[in-house]
Amino acid sequence: MDTVGTDTGIKPVLRDGVVYSDGTTILGADDKSGIAIVLEILQQLREHPEWRHPPLEIVMTVSEEQGLRGSRQMDLSRLRATWGVVLDTTGPIGTFTYAAPFSRYFTFTITGRAAHARVEPERGVSAIRVAAEAIAEMPLGRLDEETVANVGTVEGGVARNIVADHAVLKAMTRSHDHAKLEAQTATMVKSLEAAAARHGATVEVEIEDVYKGYTISPDQRPYQEVARAAGRLGLPGKPKKSGGGTDANLFNHAGVQCVPVSTGMAAEHTKDEHIAIADMVDAARLVLALVVRDESAGPEPAPVAGSKGGS
C-alpha cells in the first residue's frame, strides 16, 4: 500500500526467522507488516466465529509516506469508531506512540536578477547567494527535545557563467509544541526575507501544514487499552513520543483517538530494513487482545484496527 524509497524489485530473504531484503532495496516492512498483521487478524476472527468482538472498522490508506496524503483525502466522518490503533511504529512489541508532532512544509522561491558572470556580474542579483546566506542564519537540525528543522533541497540557476536569477528551497519543521513550531516558522521566513532585502531580491513563501500533533494521555482509552493488553500478554507496554507522523495524527484530530503500535519493523527506510516473524505474530496477538472480549466484558465501542496502509 505505501512504502518509501527503492520499493520496486524487492526480493525478501528469510534468515533465522527474520525477513530482510537482498540488500539492494528496502524491505517495505514499513508498512507492509501492518497490512499483513491486519489480514492475519481478520483470518483468525473468521476461523474462530466463537470469539466475541465488537464491530471493527478497517482502514487502508495510500501515500502516507508522502505526507499522509491518503488519509488527508479520506472522509473521516464515515468512521463510527471512537478509538483505535495504527500498526505503524517501531520498537519492541507492546511499544506505542502516545504523542506525535505538528509538521509544516515550506517552499521558498527567491527571485534575483540574471547577468553574465564574467562580463557584468555587478548587474546581477544572485538568488543562490541569498539562499546560502539565509540558510546559514537559520537554526536547523535538532533544536531541542521537541523541535527539528531542515532545508532538504536547493535548486536554482541555469548555467555556471550566469548569475542565478532564481532559486527554490524546500524545507520543513516539526515540533510537539505548536508555539515552538510558529516561532521556528517566523525565524526561517525572517532569515530569507532579510537576506533578500540585503541584495535586492524578492522571496515568495508557501507554507503547508502537513498534519497536526497529538498527545494521548494515560487516562485516555487507547493508552489504557494497549498498556493493559500488553501487560496481559507479558509484553512491555512501552509508551513513547515520536518525531514523525502517521495516519493517527489525522484520525486523532477527526475525533478518533488512536495510538500507533509497533509491528517489530527495524531500520525502516533503509536497505538494512528487517522484521522478525515472531514479532509480527506477537503484534497480531496484541491487537487480538484488544478486540476479542469475553462475555463478562459487556458491550464495547468499535475500535479501529489496521495499518498505515491503515488504522
Protein backbone atom coordinates (compact mmCIF):
# COMPACT_ATOMS: atom_id res chain seq x y z
CA MET A 1 0.00 0.00 0.00
CA ASP A 2 2.68 2.52 0.91
CA THR A 3 6.43 2.24 1.26
CA VAL A 4 9.27 4.68 0.70
CA GLY A 5 12.35 4.85 -1.50
CA THR A 6 13.57 1.95 -3.66
CA ASP A 7 10.34 -0.01 -3.38
CA THR A 8 10.40 -1.92 -6.67
CA GLY A 9 12.24 -5.16 -7.33
CA ILE A 10 12.20 -6.16 -3.66
CA LYS A 11 13.41 -9.72 -3.05
CA PRO A 12 12.64 -10.87 0.51
CA VAL A 13 15.17 -13.17 2.18
CA LEU A 14 14.37 -15.23 5.30
CA ARG A 15 17.26 -15.86 7.69
CA ASP A 16 16.82 -17.35 11.17
CA GLY A 17 13.20 -16.26 11.40
CA VAL A 18 13.92 -12.69 10.28
CA VAL A 19 12.89 -11.25 6.91
CA TYR A 20 15.36 -8.98 5.08
CA SER A 21 15.63 -7.69 1.52
CA ASP A 22 18.51 -8.96 -0.57
CA GLY A 23 20.39 -5.77 0.33
CA THR A 24 19.71 -3.84 -2.88
CA THR A 25 16.38 -2.29 -1.83
CA ILE A 26 14.31 -1.53 1.21
CA LEU A 27 12.19 -4.40 2.53
CA GLY A 28 8.99 -2.41 2.88
CA ALA A 29 8.14 -3.79 6.31
CA ASP A 30 7.11 -0.16 6.85
CA ASP A 31 4.27 -0.69 6.38
CA LYS A 32 3.55 -3.98 4.65
CA SER A 33 3.92 -5.59 8.07
CA GLY A 34 0.93 -3.63 9.36
CA ILE A 35 -1.20 -4.78 6.45
CA ALA A 36 -0.09 -8.40 6.88
CA ILE A 37 -0.97 -8.29 10.57
CA VAL A 38 -4.43 -6.86 9.86
CA LEU A 39 -5.10 -9.62 7.32
CA GLU A 40 -3.94 -12.25 9.81
CA ILE A 41 -6.29 -10.84 12.47
CA LEU A 42 -9.23 -10.94 10.07
CA GLN A 43 -8.37 -14.52 9.11
CA GLN A 44 -8.20 -15.55 12.78
CA LEU A 45 -11.57 -13.96 13.51
CA ARG A 46 -13.08 -15.77 10.53
CA GLU A 47 -11.63 -19.11 11.69
CA HIS A 48 -12.94 -18.56 15.24
CA PRO A 49 -16.56 -17.37 14.98
CA GLU A 50 -16.97 -18.15 18.69
CA TRP A 51 -14.64 -15.27 19.59
CA ARG A 52 -16.74 -12.32 20.66
CA HIS A 53 -15.66 -8.90 19.39
CA PRO A 54 -17.26 -5.53 18.66
CA PRO A 55 -17.76 -4.29 15.11
CA LEU A 56 -14.40 -3.45 13.55
CA GLU A 57 -13.57 -0.73 11.06
CA ILE A 58 -10.51 -1.49 8.93
CA VAL A 59 -8.94 1.43 7.07
CA MET A 60 -6.23 1.08 4.42
CA THR A 61 -4.71 4.30 3.11
CA VAL A 62 -2.22 5.15 0.38
CA SER A 63 0.65 7.66 0.23
CA GLU A 64 1.24 8.02 3.96
CA GLU A 65 4.95 8.49 3.30
CA GLN A 66 4.18 11.46 1.06
CA GLY A 67 2.66 13.48 3.88
CA LEU A 68 -0.39 11.43 4.91
CA ARG A 69 -1.95 12.17 1.52
CA GLY A 70 -4.27 9.18 1.57
CA SER A 71 -5.79 9.79 4.99
CA ARG A 72 -5.98 13.52 4.25
CA GLN A 73 -8.29 12.73 1.33
CA MET A 74 -10.45 10.30 3.28
CA ASP A 75 -13.89 11.27 4.55
CA LEU A 76 -13.13 10.54 8.19
CA SER A 77 -16.72 11.34 9.15
CA ARG A 78 -17.60 7.88 7.80
CA LEU A 79 -15.88 6.27 10.78
CA ARG A 80 -18.12 5.34 13.68
CA ALA A 81 -15.29 4.17 15.93
CA THR A 82 -14.24 6.35 18.87
CA TRP A 83 -10.76 4.86 19.36
CA GLY A 84 -8.28 2.57 17.70
CA VAL A 85 -4.73 1.58 16.88
CA VAL A 86 -2.49 2.19 13.88
CA LEU A 87 0.02 -0.56 13.07
CA ASP A 88 2.88 1.70 12.14
CA THR A 89 5.76 2.21 14.57
CA THR A 90 8.98 0.60 15.71
CA GLY A 91 10.31 -0.85 18.94
CA PRO A 92 9.62 -3.99 20.97
CA ILE A 93 6.11 -5.35 20.56
CA GLY A 94 3.92 -3.50 23.05
CA THR A 95 5.56 -0.16 22.23
CA PHE A 96 3.01 2.51 21.31
CA THR A 97 3.24 6.17 20.29
CA TYR A 98 1.26 8.40 22.62
CA ALA A 99 2.49 11.71 21.15
CA ALA A 100 3.47 12.89 17.68
CA PRO A 101 4.49 16.33 16.39
CA PHE A 102 2.97 19.05 14.28
CA SER A 103 4.55 19.12 10.81
CA ARG A 104 4.95 22.04 8.43
CA TYR A 105 6.44 22.22 4.91
CA PHE A 106 7.94 25.30 3.24
CA THR A 107 8.66 26.20 -0.37
CA PHE A 108 10.74 29.38 -0.63
CA THR A 109 11.09 30.88 -4.12
CA ILE A 110 13.81 33.53 -4.43
CA THR A 111 13.89 35.86 -7.42
CA GLY A 112 17.06 37.81 -8.20
CA ARG A 113 18.42 39.22 -11.45
CA ALA A 114 20.40 37.40 -14.12
CA ALA A 115 23.65 38.76 -15.51
CA HIS A 116 26.73 37.46 -17.32
CA ALA A 117 29.03 36.32 -14.55
CA ARG A 118 32.18 37.31 -16.50
CA VAL A 119 31.11 40.44 -18.35
CA GLU A 120 28.89 42.27 -15.81
CA PRO A 121 28.43 40.29 -12.59
CA GLU A 122 27.77 43.51 -10.66
CA ARG A 123 24.47 43.88 -12.51
CA GLY A 124 23.23 40.56 -11.22
CA VAL A 125 21.46 39.59 -8.00
CA SER A 126 22.27 36.00 -7.13
CA ALA A 127 19.29 34.09 -5.78
CA ILE A 128 21.68 31.30 -4.80
CA ARG A 129 23.76 33.67 -2.66
CA VAL A 130 20.59 34.90 -0.96
CA ALA A 131 19.62 31.29 -0.27
CA ALA A 132 23.06 30.45 1.10
CA GLU A 133 23.14 33.42 3.47
CA ALA A 134 19.61 32.73 4.69
CA ILE A 135 20.30 29.05 5.31
CA ALA A 136 23.48 29.93 7.22
CA GLU A 137 21.41 32.12 9.56
CA MET A 138 18.66 29.58 10.19
CA PRO A 139 18.72 27.34 13.27
CA LEU A 140 18.49 23.86 11.75
CA GLY A 141 18.79 20.27 12.90
CA ARG A 142 17.60 19.21 16.36
CA LEU A 143 16.70 22.47 18.05
CA ASP A 144 15.52 20.91 21.32
CA GLU A 145 13.90 17.72 22.52
CA GLU A 146 10.62 18.69 20.82
CA THR A 147 11.63 20.53 17.65
CA VAL A 148 13.59 19.87 14.44
CA ALA A 149 14.05 21.81 11.20
CA ASN A 150 15.71 21.09 7.86
CA VAL A 151 16.33 22.52 4.41
CA GLY A 152 16.13 19.47 2.20
CA THR A 153 16.65 20.71 -1.35
CA VAL A 154 18.08 23.80 -3.07
CA GLU A 155 17.58 24.27 -6.80
CA GLY A 156 18.41 27.26 -8.97
CA GLY A 157 20.31 28.85 -11.80
CA VAL A 158 20.71 27.81 -15.41
CA ALA A 159 24.46 27.87 -16.14
CA ARG A 160 27.74 28.31 -14.31
CA ASN A 161 28.54 31.61 -16.08
CA ILE A 162 25.18 33.26 -15.38
CA VAL A 163 24.30 34.92 -12.09
CA ALA A 164 21.35 32.86 -10.87
CA ASP A 165 18.11 34.81 -11.03
CA HIS A 166 16.06 32.17 -9.22
CA ALA A 167 16.36 29.55 -6.51
CA VAL A 168 13.84 27.30 -4.79
CA LEU A 169 14.32 25.92 -1.29
CA LYS A 170 12.19 23.13 0.15
CA ALA A 171 12.27 22.88 3.90
CA MET A 172 10.37 21.57 6.89
CA THR A 173 9.98 21.92 10.63
CA ARG A 174 8.29 19.70 13.21
CA SER A 175 7.55 20.20 16.87
CA HIS A 176 5.46 18.68 19.62
CA ASP A 177 4.86 22.27 20.81
CA HIS A 178 2.78 24.38 18.43
CA ALA A 179 4.20 27.64 19.81
CA LYS A 180 7.72 26.44 19.01
CA LEU A 181 6.57 25.49 15.52
CA GLU A 182 5.29 29.02 14.98
CA ALA A 183 8.49 30.55 16.36
CA GLN A 184 10.68 28.42 14.08
CA THR A 185 8.50 29.32 11.11
CA ALA A 186 8.93 33.03 11.84
CA THR A 187 12.70 32.63 12.20
CA MET A 188 13.11 30.78 8.89
CA VAL A 189 10.94 33.28 6.98
CA LYS A 190 12.70 36.25 8.58
CA SER A 191 16.14 34.87 7.64
CA LEU A 192 15.13 34.61 3.99
CA GLU A 193 13.41 37.98 3.85
CA ALA A 194 16.38 39.70 5.48
CA ALA A 195 18.91 38.11 3.10
CA ALA A 196 16.74 39.01 0.11
CA ALA A 197 16.41 42.62 1.27
CA ARG A 198 20.18 42.97 1.63
CA HIS A 199 20.71 42.03 -2.00
CA GLY A 200 17.61 43.45 -3.67
CA ALA A 201 15.91 40.10 -4.29
CA THR A 202 12.36 39.02 -3.52
CA VAL A 203 11.01 35.94 -1.74
CA GLU A 204 7.74 34.10 -2.19
CA VAL A 205 6.80 31.91 0.78
CA GLU A 206 4.47 28.91 0.59
CA ILE A 207 3.59 27.17 3.85
CA GLU A 208 1.72 23.88 4.14
CA ASP A 209 0.58 22.39 7.43
CA VAL A 210 1.02 18.69 6.71
CA TYR A 211 -0.52 17.39 9.91
CA LYS A 212 -1.31 18.41 13.47
CA GLY A 213 0.34 16.92 16.51
CA TYR A 214 -1.44 14.94 19.20
CA THR A 215 -0.93 13.66 22.72
CA ILE A 216 -2.88 10.75 24.18
CA SER A 217 -2.72 10.89 27.98
CA PRO A 218 -2.59 7.89 30.34
CA ASP A 219 -6.23 8.44 31.32
CA GLN A 220 -7.46 8.14 27.72
CA ARG A 221 -8.73 4.89 26.32
CA PRO A 222 -6.19 3.90 23.61
CA TYR A 223 -3.32 4.42 26.06
CA GLN A 224 -5.03 2.36 28.74
CA GLU A 225 -6.22 -0.42 26.43
CA VAL A 226 -2.85 -1.01 24.75
CA ALA A 227 -0.93 -0.90 28.03
CA ARG A 228 -3.41 -3.31 29.62
CA ALA A 229 -3.39 -5.73 26.67
CA ALA A 230 0.42 -5.74 26.56
CA GLY A 231 0.51 -6.48 30.27
CA ARG A 232 -1.87 -9.42 29.91
CA LEU A 233 0.41 -10.92 27.25
CA GLY A 234 3.60 -10.29 29.19
CA LEU A 235 4.79 -7.72 26.64
CA PRO A 236 6.43 -4.43 27.61
CA GLY A 237 3.74 -1.77 27.32
CA LYS A 238 6.19 0.99 26.46
CA PRO A 239 4.76 4.45 25.63
CA LYS A 240 6.97 6.73 23.53
CA LYS A 241 6.96 10.06 21.75
CA SER A 242 7.53 10.04 18.00
CA GLY A 243 9.40 12.51 15.84
CA GLY A 244 7.29 11.65 12.81
CA GLY A 245 3.67 11.45 11.84
CA THR A 246 1.32 8.63 10.93
CA ASP A 247 -2.33 8.41 9.93
CA ALA A 248 -3.01 8.55 13.68
CA ASN A 249 -2.32 12.31 13.55
CA LEU A 250 -5.33 12.82 11.31
CA PHE A 251 -7.56 10.25 12.98
CA ASN A 252 -6.97 11.90 16.37
CA HIS A 253 -7.92 15.31 15.06
CA ALA A 254 -11.04 13.81 13.48
CA GLY A 255 -12.12 12.64 16.93
CA VAL A 256 -11.00 9.01 16.67
CA GLN A 257 -8.40 8.62 19.41
CA CYS A 258 -5.57 6.40 18.13
CA VAL A 259 -2.10 5.28 19.09
CA PRO A 260 0.34 3.65 16.65
CA VAL A 261 1.61 0.27 17.91
CA SER A 262 4.81 -1.50 16.94
CA THR A 263 4.86 -4.23 14.31
CA GLY A 264 8.51 -5.06 15.03
CA MET A 265 9.91 -3.32 11.93
CA ALA A 266 13.51 -2.14 12.28
CA ALA A 267 15.91 0.04 10.24
CA GLU A 268 12.95 1.18 8.17
CA HIS A 269 13.56 3.30 5.05
CA THR A 270 16.99 1.68 4.55
CA LYS A 271 18.44 -1.33 2.76
CA ASP A 272 19.02 -2.88 6.20
CA GLU A 273 15.30 -2.91 6.99
CA HIS A 274 14.14 -6.17 8.58
CA ILE A 275 11.43 -7.73 10.70
CA ALA A 276 11.15 -10.90 12.76
CA ILE A 277 8.20 -13.16 12.03
CA ALA A 278 7.82 -13.80 15.77
CA ASP A 279 7.36 -10.06 16.34
CA MET A 280 4.62 -9.91 13.73
CA VAL A 281 2.89 -12.83 15.45
CA ASP A 282 3.10 -11.04 18.81
CA ALA A 283 1.79 -7.82 17.25
CA ALA A 284 -1.22 -9.74 15.96
CA ARG A 285 -1.71 -11.29 19.41
CA LEU A 286 -1.67 -7.80 20.92
CA VAL A 287 -4.36 -6.46 18.58
CA LEU A 288 -6.47 -9.58 19.07
CA ALA A 289 -6.21 -8.99 22.82
CA LEU A 290 -7.61 -5.51 22.19
CA VAL A 291 -10.60 -6.62 20.12
CA VAL A 292 -11.60 -10.07 21.41
CA ARG A 293 -13.70 -9.81 24.56
CA ASP A 294 -15.08 -12.45 26.88
CA GLU A 295 -18.77 -12.45 27.73
CA SER A 296 -18.22 -10.70 31.06
CA ALA A 297 -16.69 -7.64 29.39
CA GLY A 298 -20.02 -6.20 28.27
CA PRO A 299 -20.64 -4.20 25.08
CA GLU A 300 -17.69 -2.25 23.71
CA PRO A 301 -17.42 0.68 21.31
CA ALA A 302 -15.95 -0.34 17.99
CA PRO A 303 -12.17 0.10 17.80
CA VAL A 304 -10.32 0.77 14.58
CA ALA A 305 -7.72 -1.89 13.84
CA GLY A 306 -5.32 -1.51 10.99
CA SER A 307 -2.13 -0.29 9.40
CA LYS A 308 -0.77 2.75 7.69
CA GLY A 309 -1.78 1.36 4.95
CA GLY A 310 -4.46 1.78 7.65
CA SER A 311 -5.77 2.11 11.09
